[in-house]
Amino acid sequence: MIRSMTAFGRATGKAPGRDIIVEIKSVNNRFFDCQVKLPRVFAFLEENVKKHISERGISRGKVDVYITIDVTDTAGIEVDIDKTYAKSYIDALKRLSEEFELPCDITTMRVAQNRDIFALKRAQEDTEAEWQALLPVLDTALDAFIEARNREGENLKRDIAEKKAKVKELAEKIPPLSRADTLNQYEKMKERINAIIGGAVQLDESKLITECAVFADKIAVDEETVRLSSHFEAFDSMLESTEPVGRKLDFLLQEMNRETNTIGSKACDTEIARIVVEMKSELEKIREQIQNIE
């Protein structure tokens, strides 16, 4: 299934003594990069969250997870003071007052506005219990997140398939044009040589045919069109795959671009050149869409 790397999911829930909110959003990224933001007292859950998201099949994209846990029952949680940091902070305030001749109005409430002086501690940390409390809410958010990825992925798949079909249709016009171009080049070469030598020398038809054959081989695009046809089949197969195929599609598209460029460099026919320009335009549109696929 084609899945987008851009999505959002949100869920809220309750656990004993906890109100929990989970928000998950992601954007394009070459690899899987997951950042989890938790209240400091619950920071020990970060690795569990990352591992679980990976196990749910998220393999690519920059994923940001915001988890809010409001403690409604403070049993087992203690608030302590980081005395070293608090002293350093108060000393800094005093220096600020002296340096700039400001009123020294340091109060407990003013100092307490800097939350970094407080350290939250769990008296008896129970990692598994807290994880089990968070897990249902996380899964609900992930369900919404994955559904959004799948839904957007279907839109991307449909759009990419339409654009690829147009590229294939354009590519199928090239072989007959190329064959006609080869014959046309033979006639042009014959006329050119006759114009140069006039009637002074008898034209050796067999040598002309040989030279034209060499030239025809140089401008022939049969190999490129055959490889393009093979790439189209592989592309269709990848679009139907149940595995993440973003990188594979990107690589295959590079190969399709390479064959298209080669056709453009070989062909002498203006109509082929026009078709190549159209193909490259559509392939670029596909490339932009593929950047969004997991």
Protein backbone atom coordinates (compact mmCIF):
# COMPACT_ATOMS: atom_id res chain seq x y z
CA MET A 1 0.00 0.00 0.00
CA ILE A 2 1.27 3.45 -0.94
CA ARG A 3 1.46 5.63 2.16
CA SER A 4 2.20 9.31 2.45
CA MET A 5 4.88 10.55 4.82
CA THR A 6 2.80 13.59 5.70
CA ALA A 7 0.06 13.00 8.28
CA PHE A 8 -1.39 13.96 11.65
CA GLY A 9 -3.10 12.01 14.40
CA ARG A 10 -4.43 13.00 17.81
CA ALA A 11 -6.04 11.23 20.75
CA THR A 12 -6.99 11.96 24.34
CA GLY A 13 -7.59 9.55 27.18
CA LYS A 14 -7.62 9.00 30.90
CA ALA A 15 -5.77 6.64 33.18
CA PRO A 16 -5.80 6.41 36.98
CA GLY A 17 -4.53 9.81 38.14
CA ARG A 18 -3.62 10.87 34.59
CA ASP A 19 -5.13 12.91 31.74
CA ILE A 20 -3.25 12.07 28.55
CA ILE A 21 -3.04 13.80 25.16
CA VAL A 22 -1.01 12.37 22.27
CA GLU A 23 -0.38 14.23 19.01
CA ILE A 24 1.64 12.74 16.15
CA LYS A 25 2.66 14.57 13.00
CA SER A 26 5.15 13.76 10.28
CA VAL A 27 6.78 15.31 7.21
CA ASN A 28 9.05 14.01 4.46
CA ASN A 29 12.45 12.63 5.34
CA ARG A 30 14.84 10.19 3.68
CA PHE A 31 14.96 8.03 6.80
CA PHE A 32 12.92 7.32 9.93
CA ASP A 33 13.56 10.11 12.42
CA CYS A 34 11.31 10.06 15.49
CA GLN A 35 11.38 12.76 18.16
CA VAL A 36 9.29 12.34 21.30
CA LYS A 37 8.47 15.19 23.68
CA LEU A 38 7.31 14.10 27.13
CA PRO A 39 7.03 15.78 30.53
CA ARG A 40 10.38 15.34 32.29
CA VAL A 41 8.96 13.07 34.95
CA PHE A 42 7.81 10.65 32.24
CA ALA A 43 10.90 10.93 30.01
CA PHE A 44 11.73 7.28 30.73
CA LEU A 45 8.88 6.32 28.35
CA GLU A 46 10.56 7.84 25.28
CA GLU A 47 12.25 4.68 24.01
CA ASN A 48 9.06 2.66 24.48
CA VAL A 49 7.17 5.17 22.34
CA LYS A 50 9.78 5.16 19.54
CA LYS A 51 9.96 1.37 19.47
CA HIS A 52 6.18 1.00 19.40
CA ILE A 53 5.79 3.48 16.52
CA SER A 54 8.39 1.57 14.52
CA GLU A 55 6.63 -1.73 15.29
CA ARG A 56 3.37 -0.28 13.98
CA GLY A 57 5.03 -0.07 10.56
CA ILE A 58 6.20 3.54 10.39
CA SER A 59 9.52 3.19 8.57
CA ARG A 60 10.20 6.58 6.99
CA GLY A 61 9.61 10.28 7.62
CA LYS A 62 10.36 12.83 10.31
CA VAL A 63 7.87 11.97 13.04
CA ASP A 64 7.22 14.29 15.97
CA VAL A 65 5.27 12.95 18.94
CA TYR A 66 3.93 15.35 21.56
CA ILE A 67 2.67 13.72 24.73
CA THR A 68 1.01 15.68 27.51
CA ILE A 69 0.36 13.90 30.82
CA ASP A 70 -1.49 15.97 33.39
CA VAL A 71 -1.14 14.41 36.80
CA THR A 72 -4.44 14.56 38.68
CA ASP A 73 -3.21 12.31 41.48
CA THR A 74 0.27 13.27 42.75
CA ALA A 75 0.77 10.08 44.75
CA GLY A 76 4.26 8.79 44.10
CA ILE A 77 5.52 12.08 42.61
CA GLU A 78 7.75 14.49 44.51
CA VAL A 79 8.77 18.03 43.61
CA ASP A 80 12.36 18.82 44.59
CA ILE A 81 14.57 21.87 44.09
CA ASP A 82 17.71 21.85 42.00
CA LYS A 83 19.65 23.86 44.58
CA THR A 84 22.80 24.31 42.48
CA TYR A 85 20.86 25.65 39.52
CA ALA A 86 18.63 27.83 41.77
CA LYS A 87 21.67 29.45 43.44
CA SER A 88 23.31 30.11 40.08
CA TYR A 89 20.08 31.61 38.74
CA ILE A 90 19.59 33.91 41.76
CA ASP A 91 23.24 35.05 41.61
CA ALA A 92 22.75 35.88 37.94
CA LEU A 93 19.68 37.98 38.77
CA LYS A 94 21.68 39.87 41.39
CA ARG A 95 24.50 40.58 38.92
CA LEU A 96 21.93 41.77 36.41
CA SER A 97 20.55 44.20 39.00
CA GLU A 98 24.03 45.51 39.93
CA GLU A 99 25.36 45.76 36.37
CA PHE A 100 22.43 47.78 35.06
CA GLU A 101 21.45 49.49 38.33
CA LEU A 102 18.03 47.91 38.37
CA PRO A 103 15.80 47.50 41.46
CA CYS A 104 16.61 44.24 43.18
CA ASP A 105 13.12 42.81 43.59
CA ILE A 106 13.96 39.12 43.73
CA THR A 107 11.12 37.21 45.37
CA THR A 108 10.25 33.56 45.76
CA MET A 109 7.44 33.78 43.23
CA ARG A 110 9.66 35.59 40.71
CA VAL A 111 12.35 32.94 41.02
CA ALA A 112 9.72 30.17 40.85
CA GLN A 113 8.68 31.40 37.40
CA ASN A 114 11.79 29.65 36.11
CA ARG A 115 10.54 26.07 36.17
CA ASP A 116 14.01 24.66 35.54
CA ILE A 117 14.83 25.09 39.23
CA PHE A 118 12.33 22.34 40.05
CA ALA A 119 13.05 18.67 39.61
CA LEU A 120 10.21 16.17 39.49
CA LYS A 121 10.98 12.77 40.94
CA ARG A 122 9.03 9.57 41.18
CA ALA A 123 9.29 7.99 44.56
CA GLN A 124 8.82 4.53 43.11
CA GLU A 125 9.10 4.53 39.36
CA ASP A 126 6.87 1.90 37.74
CA THR A 127 7.80 1.97 34.08
CA GLU A 128 5.48 -0.82 32.97
CA ALA A 129 2.40 0.60 34.72
CA GLU A 130 2.95 4.05 33.22
CA TRP A 131 3.57 2.52 29.78
CA GLN A 132 0.36 0.49 29.96
CA ALA A 133 -1.52 3.67 30.93
CA LEU A 134 -0.12 5.55 27.92
CA LEU A 135 -0.30 2.74 25.35
CA PRO A 136 -4.07 2.81 24.56
CA VAL A 137 -4.02 6.56 23.93
CA LEU A 138 -0.85 6.27 21.84
CA ASP A 139 -2.42 3.51 19.75
CA THR A 140 -5.58 5.53 19.16
CA ALA A 141 -3.47 8.47 17.94
CA LEU A 142 -1.42 6.09 15.77
CA ASP A 143 -4.59 4.63 14.25
CA ALA A 144 -5.69 8.12 13.16
CA PHE A 145 -2.14 8.94 12.01
CA ILE A 146 -1.79 5.77 9.91
CA GLU A 147 -5.27 6.20 8.45
CA ALA A 148 -4.31 9.73 7.36
CA ARG A 149 -1.11 8.35 5.77
CA ASN A 150 -3.07 5.66 3.95
CA ARG A 151 -5.75 8.06 2.75
CA GLU A 152 -3.24 10.56 1.39
CA GLY A 153 -1.23 7.66 -0.04
CA GLU A 154 -4.21 6.55 -2.13
CA ASN A 155 -4.51 10.06 -3.55
CA LEU A 156 -0.79 10.07 -4.38
CA LYS A 157 -1.02 6.63 -5.97
CA ARG A 158 -3.92 7.66 -8.19
CA ASP A 159 -2.18 10.84 -9.31
CA ILE A 160 1.16 9.11 -9.96
CA ALA A 161 -0.53 6.29 -11.91
CA GLU A 162 -2.27 8.82 -14.17
CA LYS A 163 0.97 10.68 -14.83
CA LYS A 164 2.88 7.46 -15.49
CA ALA A 165 0.17 6.37 -17.95
CA LYS A 166 0.66 9.62 -19.82
CA VAL A 167 4.44 9.07 -19.96
CA LYS A 168 3.89 5.54 -21.26
CA GLU A 169 1.48 6.82 -23.90
CA LEU A 170 4.04 9.36 -25.04
CA ALA A 171 6.84 6.77 -25.08
CA GLU A 172 4.80 4.45 -27.31
CA LYS A 173 4.74 7.16 -30.00
CA ILE A 174 8.53 7.18 -30.28
CA PRO A 175 9.43 3.82 -32.00
CA PRO A 176 7.48 4.45 -35.26
CA LEU A 177 8.76 8.03 -35.35
CA SER A 178 12.31 6.75 -34.83
CA ARG A 179 12.01 4.26 -37.70
CA ALA A 180 10.64 6.97 -39.98
CA ASP A 181 13.45 9.27 -38.84
CA THR A 182 16.06 6.67 -39.82
CA LEU A 183 14.63 6.37 -43.36
CA ASN A 184 14.37 10.12 -43.61
CA GLN A 185 18.01 10.54 -42.61
CA TYR A 186 19.01 8.06 -45.34
CA GLU A 187 17.24 10.12 -47.99
CA LYS A 188 18.69 13.37 -46.64
CA MET A 189 22.21 11.92 -46.65
CA LYS A 190 21.77 10.65 -50.20
CA GLU A 191 20.52 14.03 -51.39
CA ARG A 192 23.33 15.84 -49.61
CA ILE A 193 26.03 13.67 -51.15
CA ASN A 194 24.51 14.00 -54.62
CA ALA A 195 24.41 17.75 -54.20
CA ILE A 196 28.10 17.79 -53.28
CA ILE A 197 29.47 15.49 -55.98
CA GLY A 198 26.93 16.31 -58.64
CA GLY A 199 27.26 13.96 -61.60
CA ALA A 200 31.06 13.91 -61.61
CA VAL A 201 31.34 10.68 -59.63
CA GLN A 202 29.16 7.60 -59.69
CA LEU A 203 27.59 7.13 -56.26
CA ASP A 204 28.39 3.76 -54.67
CA GLU A 205 24.97 2.76 -53.32
CA SER A 206 26.33 -0.09 -51.18
CA LYS A 207 28.79 2.17 -49.36
CA LEU A 208 26.06 4.73 -48.80
CA ILE A 209 23.83 2.06 -47.32
CA THR A 210 26.68 0.96 -45.02
CA GLU A 211 27.30 4.50 -43.82
CA CYS A 212 23.60 5.05 -43.29
CA ALA A 213 23.38 1.83 -41.32
CA VAL A 214 26.15 3.01 -39.00
CA PHE A 215 24.42 6.35 -38.56
CA ALA A 216 21.05 4.65 -38.05
CA ASP A 217 22.55 2.56 -35.28
CA LYS A 218 23.70 5.74 -33.56
CA ILE A 219 20.27 7.36 -33.61
CA ALA A 220 18.24 4.19 -32.96
CA VAL A 221 16.36 4.23 -29.65
CA ASP A 222 15.02 0.66 -29.64
CA GLU A 223 17.04 -0.37 -26.59
CA GLU A 224 15.94 2.69 -24.62
CA THR A 225 12.25 2.23 -25.44
CA VAL A 226 12.41 -1.47 -24.50
CA ARG A 227 14.02 -0.64 -21.18
CA LEU A 228 11.41 2.07 -20.59
CA SER A 229 8.67 -0.48 -21.21
CA SER A 230 10.27 -2.77 -18.62
CA HIS A 231 10.51 0.13 -16.14
CA PHE A 232 6.81 0.90 -16.62
CA GLU A 233 5.90 -2.68 -15.69
CA ALA A 234 8.13 -2.58 -12.60
CA PHE A 235 6.63 0.79 -11.65
CA ASP A 236 3.09 -0.61 -11.80
CA SER A 237 4.14 -3.58 -9.67
CA MET A 238 5.66 -1.31 -7.02
CA LEU A 239 2.52 0.80 -6.83
CA GLU A 240 0.60 -2.33 -5.85
CA SER A 241 3.18 -3.49 -3.29
CA THR A 242 2.25 -3.77 0.39
CA GLU A 243 5.78 -2.78 1.42
CA PRO A 244 7.21 0.78 1.68
CA VAL A 245 8.41 1.56 -1.87
CA GLY A 246 9.24 5.28 -1.82
CA ARG A 247 12.98 4.79 -2.26
CA LYS A 248 12.56 2.07 -4.89
CA LEU A 249 10.20 4.25 -6.90
CA ASP A 250 12.63 7.14 -6.65
CA PHE A 251 15.48 4.98 -7.98
CA LEU A 252 13.34 3.54 -10.78
CA LEU A 253 12.26 7.04 -11.78
CA GLN A 254 15.92 8.04 -12.09
CA GLU A 255 16.39 5.16 -14.55
CA MET A 256 13.33 6.26 -16.53
CA ASN A 257 14.73 9.78 -16.69
CA ARG A 258 18.08 8.42 -17.88
CA GLU A 259 16.49 6.48 -20.74
CA THR A 260 14.37 9.48 -21.71
CA ASN A 261 17.41 11.76 -21.77
CA THR A 262 19.29 9.28 -23.96
CA ILE A 263 16.40 9.17 -26.42
CA GLY A 264 16.41 12.96 -26.55
CA SER A 265 20.16 13.10 -27.21
CA LYS A 266 20.00 10.50 -30.00
CA ALA A 267 16.93 11.59 -31.91
CA CYS A 268 17.16 14.00 -34.83
CA ASP A 269 13.40 14.27 -35.33
CA THR A 270 11.76 17.41 -33.92
CA GLU A 271 8.58 15.54 -33.00
CA ILE A 272 10.57 13.05 -30.91
CA ALA A 273 12.33 15.98 -29.25
CA ARG A 274 8.95 17.52 -28.39
CA ILE A 275 7.69 14.22 -26.95
CA VAL A 276 10.85 13.86 -24.84
CA VAL A 277 10.27 17.33 -23.37
CA GLU A 278 6.70 16.33 -22.44
CA MET A 279 7.88 13.06 -20.92
CA LYS A 280 10.50 14.82 -18.80
CA SER A 281 7.90 17.31 -17.60
CA GLU A 282 5.58 14.50 -16.46
CA LEU A 283 8.45 12.54 -14.89
CA GLU A 284 9.42 15.61 -12.87
CA LYS A 285 5.84 15.88 -11.60
CA ILE A 286 5.99 12.21 -10.59
CA ARG A 287 9.32 12.79 -8.84
CA GLU A 288 7.80 15.57 -6.74
CA GLN A 289 4.97 13.28 -5.68
CA ILE A 290 7.26 10.35 -4.92
CA GLN A 291 9.13 12.51 -2.39
CA ASN A 292 5.98 12.27 -0.24
CA ILE A 293 5.81 8.46 -0.28
CA GLU A 294 7.02 6.30 2.60
